[in-house]
Amino acid sequence: MTLLTGGASALLLGSSVGSKFDRFLGNIELTVIQKLDVSTKQEGVRKALHAACYSTTYDGSTSRLVGSHGKGVAVRPPSDIDIQFIVPSQHWAHYDGLTGNKQSRLLQDIKQILQRTYTNTDMRADGQVVVVPFASFKVEVAPGFSLPTGISSFATRTTGAAGRRLRRKPNSPS
């Protein structure tokens, strides 16, 4: 191996960048056990919310992973899983018509649903999400509504239930 120096940097000739990258990737990639843990917990949260809010069989279409897990770029150790949950549209008028802190009411209702399943987990509503702190990582649920206009509305601290509006991209995963 030949070492060339120039300024503050050094270049190793004969070493494989690809093998170093593979080793680096192996060091940050989620382990099989971590992937299984992530899958189990996020599916459990999504199914619990779906079962409480919908009369249909769960197929994953009422929520989606976002953030690093949704993009497929999560690294270890896992710190959180971000989920957007679509509250049935027939509840929009109820929350939008409330006075006071609409967002807080929506988050408290989502928290109560999850507490029925995760009875020993100390959850909290925090800003725009319900935080479910499992021992290995936390799950953060952002409830929102899918409106007939094709816009999804997710609560924000300042605007309540009729808050931040996002147009869902056609290729977004569920």
N, C-alpha and C. Protein backbone atom coordinates (compact mmCIF):
# COMPACT_ATOMS: atom_id res chain seq x y z
N MET A 1 0.85 -1.16 0.00
CA MET A 1 0.00 0.00 0.00
C MET A 1 0.90 1.23 0.00
N THR A 2 0.62 2.18 -0.82
CA THR A 2 1.42 3.39 -0.93
C THR A 2 0.66 4.55 -0.31
N LEU A 3 1.35 5.32 0.48
CA LEU A 3 0.74 6.48 1.12
C LEU A 3 1.22 7.74 0.42
N LEU A 4 0.31 8.50 -0.13
CA LEU A 4 0.63 9.78 -0.76
C LEU A 4 0.14 10.88 0.16
N THR A 5 0.96 11.87 0.40
CA THR A 5 0.54 12.97 1.25
C THR A 5 0.48 14.24 0.44
N GLY A 6 -0.39 15.08 0.79
CA GLY A 6 -0.52 16.36 0.13
C GLY A 6 -1.34 17.27 1.00
N GLY A 7 -0.72 18.26 1.57
CA GLY A 7 -1.43 19.16 2.47
C GLY A 7 -1.83 18.42 3.73
N ALA A 8 -3.06 18.65 4.15
CA ALA A 8 -3.55 18.05 5.39
C ALA A 8 -4.17 16.68 5.18
N SER A 9 -4.27 16.23 3.92
CA SER A 9 -4.95 14.96 3.69
C SER A 9 -3.98 13.90 3.21
N ALA A 10 -4.36 12.66 3.40
CA ALA A 10 -3.56 11.53 2.94
C ALA A 10 -4.46 10.61 2.15
N LEU A 11 -3.92 9.96 1.11
CA LEU A 11 -4.69 9.06 0.27
C LEU A 11 -4.02 7.70 0.30
N LEU A 12 -4.76 6.69 0.63
CA LEU A 12 -4.24 5.34 0.62
C LEU A 12 -4.56 4.71 -0.72
N LEU A 13 -3.52 4.32 -1.44
CA LEU A 13 -3.73 3.65 -2.71
C LEU A 13 -3.76 2.15 -2.48
N GLY A 14 -4.55 1.45 -3.20
CA GLY A 14 -4.63 0.00 -3.07
C GLY A 14 -5.69 -0.45 -2.08
N SER A 15 -6.29 0.47 -1.31
CA SER A 15 -7.36 0.06 -0.41
C SER A 15 -8.68 0.19 -1.15
N SER A 16 -9.65 -0.59 -0.75
CA SER A 16 -10.93 -0.61 -1.44
C SER A 16 -11.93 0.31 -0.75
N VAL A 17 -12.31 1.37 -1.43
CA VAL A 17 -13.33 2.27 -0.89
C VAL A 17 -14.63 1.50 -0.69
N GLY A 18 -14.94 0.63 -1.63
CA GLY A 18 -16.16 -0.17 -1.53
C GLY A 18 -16.20 -1.04 -0.29
N SER A 19 -15.10 -1.68 0.03
CA SER A 19 -15.08 -2.54 1.22
C SER A 19 -15.17 -1.72 2.49
N LYS A 20 -14.56 -0.53 2.50
CA LYS A 20 -14.66 0.34 3.68
C LYS A 20 -16.10 0.83 3.85
N PHE A 21 -16.73 1.18 2.73
CA PHE A 21 -18.12 1.63 2.80
C PHE A 21 -19.02 0.50 3.28
N ASP A 22 -18.80 -0.71 2.77
CA ASP A 22 -19.60 -1.85 3.22
C ASP A 22 -19.45 -2.07 4.72
N ARG A 23 -18.24 -1.93 5.24
CA ARG A 23 -18.00 -2.10 6.68
C ARG A 23 -18.71 -0.98 7.46
N PHE A 24 -18.60 0.25 6.95
CA PHE A 24 -19.28 1.39 7.58
C PHE A 24 -20.79 1.16 7.61
N LEU A 25 -21.35 0.76 6.47
CA LEU A 25 -22.79 0.51 6.38
C LEU A 25 -23.21 -0.60 7.35
N GLY A 26 -22.40 -1.65 7.43
CA GLY A 26 -22.71 -2.73 8.37
C GLY A 26 -22.72 -2.27 9.82
N ASN A 27 -21.93 -1.25 10.12
CA ASN A 27 -21.86 -0.73 11.49
C ASN A 27 -23.05 0.15 11.85
N ILE A 28 -23.70 0.75 10.86
CA ILE A 28 -24.82 1.65 11.17
C ILE A 28 -26.18 1.07 10.80
N GLU A 29 -26.20 0.03 10.00
CA GLU A 29 -27.46 -0.57 9.57
C GLU A 29 -28.15 -1.25 10.75
N LEU A 30 -29.48 -1.16 10.79
CA LEU A 30 -30.23 -1.83 11.85
C LEU A 30 -29.96 -3.33 11.79
N THR A 31 -29.84 -3.94 12.97
CA THR A 31 -29.66 -5.39 13.02
C THR A 31 -31.00 -6.07 12.72
N VAL A 32 -30.95 -7.35 12.48
CA VAL A 32 -32.18 -8.11 12.22
C VAL A 32 -33.12 -8.00 13.41
N ILE A 33 -32.59 -8.09 14.61
CA ILE A 33 -33.42 -8.00 15.81
C ILE A 33 -34.04 -6.61 15.93
N GLN A 34 -33.26 -5.56 15.63
CA GLN A 34 -33.80 -4.20 15.68
C GLN A 34 -34.88 -3.99 14.63
N LYS A 35 -34.67 -4.53 13.43
CA LYS A 35 -35.69 -4.42 12.37
C LYS A 35 -36.98 -5.10 12.79
N LEU A 36 -36.87 -6.27 13.41
CA LEU A 36 -38.05 -7.00 13.89
C LEU A 36 -38.76 -6.21 14.99
N ASP A 37 -37.98 -5.62 15.91
CA ASP A 37 -38.54 -4.82 16.99
C ASP A 37 -39.29 -3.61 16.43
N VAL A 38 -38.68 -2.92 15.47
CA VAL A 38 -39.32 -1.77 14.83
C VAL A 38 -40.62 -2.20 14.15
N SER A 39 -40.56 -3.28 13.40
CA SER A 39 -41.73 -3.77 12.68
C SER A 39 -42.87 -4.12 13.64
N THR A 40 -42.55 -4.84 14.69
CA THR A 40 -43.56 -5.27 15.67
C THR A 40 -44.22 -4.08 16.35
N LYS A 41 -43.41 -3.13 16.79
CA LYS A 41 -43.96 -2.00 17.53
C LYS A 41 -44.76 -1.06 16.63
N GLN A 42 -44.25 -0.73 15.46
CA GLN A 42 -45.00 0.20 14.61
C GLN A 42 -46.29 -0.44 14.11
N GLU A 43 -46.25 -1.72 13.78
CA GLU A 43 -47.48 -2.40 13.34
C GLU A 43 -48.48 -2.46 14.48
N GLY A 44 -48.01 -2.71 15.70
CA GLY A 44 -48.91 -2.77 16.85
C GLY A 44 -49.62 -1.45 17.08
N VAL A 45 -48.89 -0.36 17.03
CA VAL A 45 -49.48 0.97 17.22
C VAL A 45 -50.46 1.27 16.10
N ARG A 46 -50.07 1.01 14.87
CA ARG A 46 -50.93 1.31 13.72
C ARG A 46 -52.20 0.47 13.76
N LYS A 47 -52.09 -0.80 14.12
CA LYS A 47 -53.26 -1.68 14.19
C LYS A 47 -54.20 -1.27 15.32
N ALA A 48 -53.64 -0.87 16.46
CA ALA A 48 -54.47 -0.44 17.59
C ALA A 48 -55.30 0.79 17.22
N LEU A 49 -54.67 1.74 16.56
CA LEU A 49 -55.39 2.94 16.15
C LEU A 49 -56.45 2.62 15.09
N HIS A 50 -56.08 1.79 14.14
CA HIS A 50 -57.03 1.42 13.08
C HIS A 50 -58.25 0.71 13.66
N ALA A 51 -58.01 -0.25 14.54
CA ALA A 51 -59.10 -1.03 15.13
C ALA A 51 -60.07 -0.15 15.90
N ALA A 52 -59.56 0.89 16.55
CA ALA A 52 -60.42 1.77 17.34
C ALA A 52 -61.19 2.78 16.48
N CYS A 53 -60.65 3.11 15.31
CA CYS A 53 -61.24 4.20 14.51
C CYS A 53 -61.94 3.74 13.23
N TYR A 54 -61.67 2.54 12.79
CA TYR A 54 -62.22 2.06 11.52
C TYR A 54 -62.91 0.72 11.73
N SER A 55 -63.92 0.44 10.92
CA SER A 55 -64.61 -0.85 11.01
C SER A 55 -64.11 -1.83 9.95
N THR A 56 -63.08 -1.45 9.22
CA THR A 56 -62.54 -2.30 8.16
C THR A 56 -61.35 -3.11 8.68
N THR A 57 -60.98 -4.11 7.92
CA THR A 57 -59.80 -4.90 8.24
C THR A 57 -58.55 -4.05 8.00
N TYR A 58 -57.60 -4.14 8.91
CA TYR A 58 -56.37 -3.35 8.79
C TYR A 58 -55.57 -3.78 7.57
N ASP A 59 -55.20 -2.80 6.74
CA ASP A 59 -54.35 -3.08 5.58
C ASP A 59 -53.20 -2.09 5.46
N GLY A 60 -53.04 -1.22 6.45
CA GLY A 60 -51.95 -0.26 6.46
C GLY A 60 -52.26 1.05 5.77
N SER A 61 -53.41 1.17 5.13
CA SER A 61 -53.71 2.38 4.35
C SER A 61 -54.16 3.57 5.19
N THR A 62 -54.42 3.38 6.46
CA THR A 62 -54.89 4.47 7.31
C THR A 62 -53.76 5.13 8.09
N SER A 63 -52.55 4.70 7.83
CA SER A 63 -51.39 5.30 8.49
C SER A 63 -50.17 5.03 7.63
N ARG A 64 -49.10 5.76 7.92
CA ARG A 64 -47.88 5.50 7.18
C ARG A 64 -46.67 5.89 8.01
N LEU A 65 -45.59 5.21 7.73
CA LEU A 65 -44.33 5.56 8.36
C LEU A 65 -43.76 6.78 7.65
N VAL A 66 -43.23 7.70 8.41
CA VAL A 66 -42.56 8.86 7.85
C VAL A 66 -41.20 8.97 8.54
N GLY A 67 -40.46 9.98 8.24
CA GLY A 67 -39.14 10.12 8.84
C GLY A 67 -38.17 9.08 8.28
N SER A 68 -37.15 8.77 9.04
CA SER A 68 -36.09 7.87 8.54
C SER A 68 -36.61 6.47 8.23
N HIS A 69 -37.54 5.96 9.01
CA HIS A 69 -38.08 4.62 8.73
C HIS A 69 -38.96 4.63 7.48
N GLY A 70 -39.71 5.70 7.29
CA GLY A 70 -40.54 5.82 6.10
C GLY A 70 -39.72 5.96 4.83
N LYS A 71 -38.55 6.56 4.96
CA LYS A 71 -37.67 6.75 3.81
C LYS A 71 -36.71 5.58 3.62
N GLY A 72 -36.68 4.65 4.59
CA GLY A 72 -35.78 3.50 4.50
C GLY A 72 -34.33 3.84 4.78
N VAL A 73 -34.10 4.89 5.58
CA VAL A 73 -32.72 5.29 5.87
C VAL A 73 -32.42 5.30 7.37
N ALA A 74 -33.18 4.56 8.15
CA ALA A 74 -32.96 4.51 9.60
C ALA A 74 -31.62 3.84 9.90
N VAL A 75 -30.94 4.34 10.92
CA VAL A 75 -29.66 3.77 11.35
C VAL A 75 -29.75 3.36 12.81
N ARG A 76 -28.79 2.58 13.23
CA ARG A 76 -28.79 2.16 14.62
C ARG A 76 -27.98 3.10 15.47
N PRO A 77 -28.32 3.13 16.72
CA PRO A 77 -29.48 2.48 17.34
C PRO A 77 -30.75 3.24 16.99
N PRO A 78 -31.88 2.53 16.86
CA PRO A 78 -33.12 3.24 16.55
C PRO A 78 -33.49 4.15 17.71
N SER A 79 -33.89 5.38 17.40
CA SER A 79 -34.28 6.31 18.46
C SER A 79 -35.78 6.56 18.46
N ASP A 80 -36.37 6.62 17.27
CA ASP A 80 -37.82 6.82 17.21
C ASP A 80 -38.36 6.34 15.87
N ILE A 81 -39.67 6.11 15.89
CA ILE A 81 -40.42 5.77 14.68
C ILE A 81 -41.50 6.82 14.57
N ASP A 82 -41.62 7.43 13.41
CA ASP A 82 -42.63 8.46 13.18
C ASP A 82 -43.76 7.89 12.33
N ILE A 83 -44.99 8.04 12.83
CA ILE A 83 -46.17 7.52 12.16
C ILE A 83 -47.16 8.65 11.95
N GLN A 84 -47.70 8.76 10.75
CA GLN A 84 -48.85 9.63 10.51
C GLN A 84 -50.08 8.74 10.48
N PHE A 85 -51.05 9.06 11.32
CA PHE A 85 -52.29 8.30 11.37
C PHE A 85 -53.42 9.17 10.84
N ILE A 86 -54.17 8.63 9.90
CA ILE A 86 -55.29 9.35 9.30
C ILE A 86 -56.57 9.04 10.08
N VAL A 87 -57.04 10.03 10.81
CA VAL A 87 -58.29 9.90 11.56
C VAL A 87 -59.43 9.90 10.54
N PRO A 88 -60.46 9.06 10.74
CA PRO A 88 -61.57 9.04 9.77
C PRO A 88 -62.13 10.45 9.53
N SER A 89 -62.38 10.74 8.27
CA SER A 89 -62.80 12.09 7.87
C SER A 89 -64.11 12.53 8.53
N GLN A 90 -64.96 11.59 8.93
CA GLN A 90 -66.22 11.99 9.56
C GLN A 90 -65.99 12.66 10.92
N HIS A 91 -64.78 12.56 11.47
CA HIS A 91 -64.47 13.21 12.76
C HIS A 91 -63.93 14.63 12.57
N TRP A 92 -63.65 15.03 11.33
CA TRP A 92 -63.09 16.36 11.06
C TRP A 92 -63.96 17.47 11.64
N ALA A 93 -65.25 17.43 11.35
CA ALA A 93 -66.15 18.50 11.80
C ALA A 93 -66.15 18.61 13.32
N HIS A 94 -66.10 17.46 14.00
CA HIS A 94 -66.09 17.47 15.47
C HIS A 94 -64.88 18.24 16.00
N TYR A 95 -63.69 17.85 15.55
CA TYR A 95 -62.48 18.50 16.06
C TYR A 95 -62.34 19.93 15.57
N ASP A 96 -62.70 20.19 14.33
CA ASP A 96 -62.58 21.53 13.78
C ASP A 96 -63.56 22.49 14.45
N GLY A 97 -64.69 21.96 14.91
CA GLY A 97 -65.70 22.80 15.55
C GLY A 97 -65.49 23.03 17.03
N LEU A 98 -64.52 22.39 17.63
CA LEU A 98 -64.26 22.58 19.05
C LEU A 98 -63.72 23.98 19.31
N THR A 99 -63.98 24.46 20.52
CA THR A 99 -63.35 25.70 20.96
C THR A 99 -62.18 25.32 21.86
N GLY A 100 -61.27 26.23 22.02
CA GLY A 100 -60.12 25.94 22.87
C GLY A 100 -59.04 25.21 22.08
N ASN A 101 -58.28 24.40 22.77
CA ASN A 101 -57.14 23.73 22.17
C ASN A 101 -57.57 22.45 21.45
N LYS A 102 -57.90 22.58 20.19
CA LYS A 102 -58.37 21.46 19.37
C LYS A 102 -57.31 20.38 19.25
N GLN A 103 -56.09 20.82 19.06
CA GLN A 103 -54.98 19.88 18.89
C GLN A 103 -54.82 19.01 20.13
N SER A 104 -54.88 19.62 21.27
CA SER A 104 -54.72 18.88 22.51
C SER A 104 -55.81 17.82 22.66
N ARG A 105 -57.05 18.17 22.32
CA ARG A 105 -58.16 17.21 22.40
C ARG A 105 -57.92 16.02 21.47
N LEU A 106 -57.48 16.30 20.23
CA LEU A 106 -57.20 15.23 19.28
C LEU A 106 -56.08 14.33 19.80
N LEU A 107 -55.01 14.93 20.29
CA LEU A 107 -53.89 14.15 20.81
C LEU A 107 -54.30 13.33 22.03
N GLN A 108 -55.10 13.92 22.92
CA GLN A 108 -55.55 13.18 24.10
C GLN A 108 -56.43 11.99 23.71
N ASP A 109 -57.27 12.17 22.71
CA ASP A 109 -58.10 11.05 22.24
C ASP A 109 -57.24 9.93 21.65
N ILE A 110 -56.24 10.28 20.88
CA ILE A 110 -55.34 9.27 20.31
C ILE A 110 -54.57 8.57 21.43
N LYS A 111 -54.12 9.33 22.40
CA LYS A 111 -53.40 8.77 23.55
C LYS A 111 -54.28 7.77 24.30
N GLN A 112 -55.55 8.13 24.53
CA GLN A 112 -56.46 7.22 25.24
C GLN A 112 -56.66 5.91 24.47
N ILE A 113 -56.75 6.00 23.16
CA ILE A 113 -56.90 4.78 22.35
C ILE A 113 -55.68 3.88 22.55
N LEU A 114 -54.50 4.46 22.47
CA LEU A 114 -53.27 3.67 22.61
C LEU A 114 -53.09 3.13 24.02
N GLN A 115 -53.57 3.85 25.02
CA GLN A 115 -53.45 3.39 26.40
C GLN A 115 -54.27 2.13 26.67
N ARG A 116 -55.29 1.89 25.89
CA ARG A 116 -56.07 0.65 26.03
C ARG A 116 -55.22 -0.56 25.67
N THR A 117 -54.31 -0.40 24.73
CA THR A 117 -53.44 -1.50 24.29
C THR A 117 -52.16 -1.55 25.10
N TYR A 118 -51.57 -0.40 25.33
CA TYR A 118 -50.28 -0.32 26.02
C TYR A 118 -50.50 0.25 27.43
N THR A 119 -51.11 -0.57 28.28
CA THR A 119 -51.56 -0.11 29.60
C THR A 119 -50.42 0.25 30.55
N ASN A 120 -49.24 -0.33 30.37
CA ASN A 120 -48.12 -0.07 31.26
C ASN A 120 -47.12 0.92 30.69
N THR A 121 -47.51 1.63 29.64
CA THR A 121 -46.61 2.58 28.98
C THR A 121 -47.06 4.00 29.30
N ASP A 122 -46.15 4.82 29.82
CA ASP A 122 -46.46 6.18 30.23
C ASP A 122 -46.35 7.12 29.03
N MET A 123 -47.44 7.28 28.30
CA MET A 123 -47.47 8.10 27.08
C MET A 123 -47.72 9.56 27.41
N ARG A 124 -47.38 10.41 26.42
CA ARG A 124 -47.67 11.84 26.60
C ARG A 124 -47.97 12.46 25.24
N ALA A 125 -48.79 13.49 25.28
CA ALA A 125 -49.02 14.32 24.11
C ALA A 125 -47.95 15.39 24.16
N ASP A 126 -47.23 15.56 23.05
CA ASP A 126 -46.09 16.47 23.04
C ASP A 126 -46.08 17.25 21.74
N GLY A 127 -46.56 18.49 21.78
CA GLY A 127 -46.57 19.32 20.57
C GLY A 127 -47.56 18.82 19.55
N GLN A 128 -47.08 18.18 18.50
CA GLN A 128 -47.92 17.69 17.41
C GLN A 128 -48.12 16.19 17.43
N VAL A 129 -47.54 15.49 18.41
CA VAL A 129 -47.56 14.03 18.41
C VAL A 129 -47.93 13.46 19.76
N VAL A 130 -48.32 12.18 19.72
CA VAL A 130 -48.43 11.38 20.93
C VAL A 130 -47.17 10.52 20.97
N VAL A 131 -46.45 10.59 22.07
CA VAL A 131 -45.20 9.86 22.23
C VAL A 131 -45.47 8.59 23.03
N VAL A 132 -45.10 7.45 22.44
CA VAL A 132 -45.23 6.15 23.09
C VAL A 132 -43.81 5.67 23.36
N PRO A 133 -43.31 5.86 24.60
CA PRO A 133 -41.91 5.53 24.88
C PRO A 133 -41.71 4.06 25.28
N PHE A 134 -41.38 3.25 24.31
CA PHE A 134 -41.04 1.87 24.60
C PHE A 134 -39.62 1.81 25.16
N ALA A 135 -39.22 0.68 25.72
CA ALA A 135 -37.89 0.57 26.32
C ALA A 135 -36.78 0.75 25.28
N SER A 136 -36.97 0.24 24.08
CA SER A 136 -35.91 0.28 23.08
C SER A 136 -35.90 1.56 22.24
N PHE A 137 -37.03 2.20 22.06
CA PHE A 137 -37.14 3.45 21.31
C PHE A 137 -38.56 3.97 21.47
N LYS A 138 -38.79 5.18 20.99
CA LYS A 138 -40.14 5.75 21.12
C LYS A 138 -40.83 5.76 19.76
N VAL A 139 -42.15 5.68 19.82
CA VAL A 139 -42.98 5.81 18.64
C VAL A 139 -43.71 7.14 18.78
N GLU A 140 -43.67 7.95 17.73
CA GLU A 140 -44.36 9.24 17.74
C GLU A 140 -45.46 9.21 16.69
N VAL A 141 -46.69 9.44 17.14
CA VAL A 141 -47.86 9.40 16.26
C VAL A 141 -48.38 10.81 16.03
N ALA A 142 -48.44 11.20 14.76
CA ALA A 142 -49.00 12.49 14.37
C ALA A 142 -50.36 12.22 13.73
N PRO A 143 -51.45 12.48 14.46
CA PRO A 143 -52.77 12.26 13.87
C PRO A 143 -53.16 13.40 12.93
N GLY A 144 -53.91 13.05 11.92
CA GLY A 144 -54.37 14.06 10.96
C GLY A 144 -55.58 13.56 10.20
N PHE A 145 -56.02 14.36 9.26
CA PHE A 145 -57.21 14.05 8.48
C PHE A 145 -56.88 14.10 7.00
N SER A 146 -57.45 13.20 6.24
CA SER A 146 -57.35 13.25 4.79
C SER A 146 -58.64 13.88 4.29
N LEU A 147 -58.51 15.05 3.71
CA LEU A 147 -59.68 15.81 3.30
C LEU A 147 -60.07 15.46 1.86
N PRO A 148 -61.32 15.66 1.48
CA PRO A 148 -61.78 15.34 0.13
C PRO A 148 -61.00 16.07 -0.97
N THR A 149 -60.33 17.14 -0.62
CA THR A 149 -59.57 17.93 -1.60
C THR A 149 -58.24 17.28 -1.97
N GLY A 150 -57.90 16.15 -1.31
CA GLY A 150 -56.62 15.51 -1.56
C GLY A 150 -55.52 16.06 -0.66
N ILE A 151 -55.89 16.92 0.24
CA ILE A 151 -54.95 17.52 1.18
C ILE A 151 -55.06 16.77 2.50
N SER A 152 -53.91 16.50 3.13
CA SER A 152 -53.90 15.94 4.48
C SER A 152 -53.64 17.07 5.44
N SER A 153 -54.37 17.11 6.54
CA SER A 153 -54.21 18.15 7.53
C SER A 153 -53.74 17.54 8.83
N PHE A 154 -52.62 18.04 9.34
CA PHE A 154 -52.08 17.57 10.60
C PHE A 154 -51.99 18.74 11.55
N ALA A 155 -52.34 18.51 12.80
CA ALA A 155 -52.39 19.58 13.79
C ALA A 155 -51.02 20.22 14.00
N THR A 156 -51.04 21.51 14.28
CA THR A 156 -49.84 22.22 14.66
C THR A 156 -50.10 22.92 15.98
N ARG A 157 -49.05 23.33 16.62
CA ARG A 157 -49.18 23.97 17.91
C ARG A 157 -50.03 25.24 17.84
N THR A 158 -49.91 25.97 16.76
CA THR A 158 -50.55 27.28 16.69
C THR A 158 -51.94 27.26 16.06
N THR A 159 -52.25 26.25 15.25
CA THR A 159 -53.52 26.31 14.54
C THR A 159 -54.50 25.21 14.91
N GLY A 160 -54.11 24.31 15.78
CA GLY A 160 -55.04 23.28 16.23
C GLY A 160 -55.34 22.25 15.16
N ALA A 161 -56.53 21.64 15.24
CA ALA A 161 -56.88 20.52 14.36
C ALA A 161 -56.88 20.90 12.89
N ALA A 162 -57.15 22.14 12.58
CA ALA A 162 -57.18 22.56 11.18
C ALA A 162 -55.85 23.17 10.79
N GLY A 163 -54.78 22.52 11.18
CA GLY A 163 -53.45 23.08 11.05
C GLY A 163 -52.75 22.86 9.74
N ARG A 164 -51.54 22.40 9.82
CA ARG A 164 -50.65 22.25 8.67
C ARG A 164 -51.28 21.35 7.63
N ARG A 165 -51.30 21.80 6.41
CA ARG A 165 -51.92 21.02 5.34
C ARG A 165 -50.86 20.59 4.35
N LEU A 166 -50.87 19.32 4.02
CA LEU A 166 -49.87 18.73 3.14
C LEU A 166 -50.54 18.01 1.99
N ARG A 167 -50.02 18.17 0.81
CA ARG A 167 -50.51 17.39 -0.31
C ARG A 167 -49.69 16.11 -0.34
N ARG A 168 -50.37 14.99 -0.24
CA ARG A 168 -49.69 13.72 -0.21
C ARG A 168 -49.15 13.39 -1.60
N LYS A 169 -47.90 13.06 -1.65
CA LYS A 169 -47.28 12.71 -2.93
C LYS A 169 -47.83 11.38 -3.41
N PRO A 170 -48.07 11.22 -4.71
CA PRO A 170 -48.64 9.99 -5.23
C PRO A 170 -47.79 8.75 -4.95
N ASN A 171 -46.48 8.89 -4.86
CA ASN A 171 -45.64 7.73 -4.65
C ASN A 171 -45.26 7.53 -3.18
N SER A 172 -45.92 8.23 -2.27
CA SER A 172 -45.61 8.09 -0.85
C SER A 172 -46.04 6.71 -0.37
N PRO A 173 -45.17 6.06 0.41
CA PRO A 173 -45.53 4.74 0.94
C PRO A 173 -46.60 4.86 2.00
N SER A 174 -47.36 3.82 2.20
CA SER A 174 -48.39 3.82 3.26
C SER A 174 -47.80 3.30 4.53
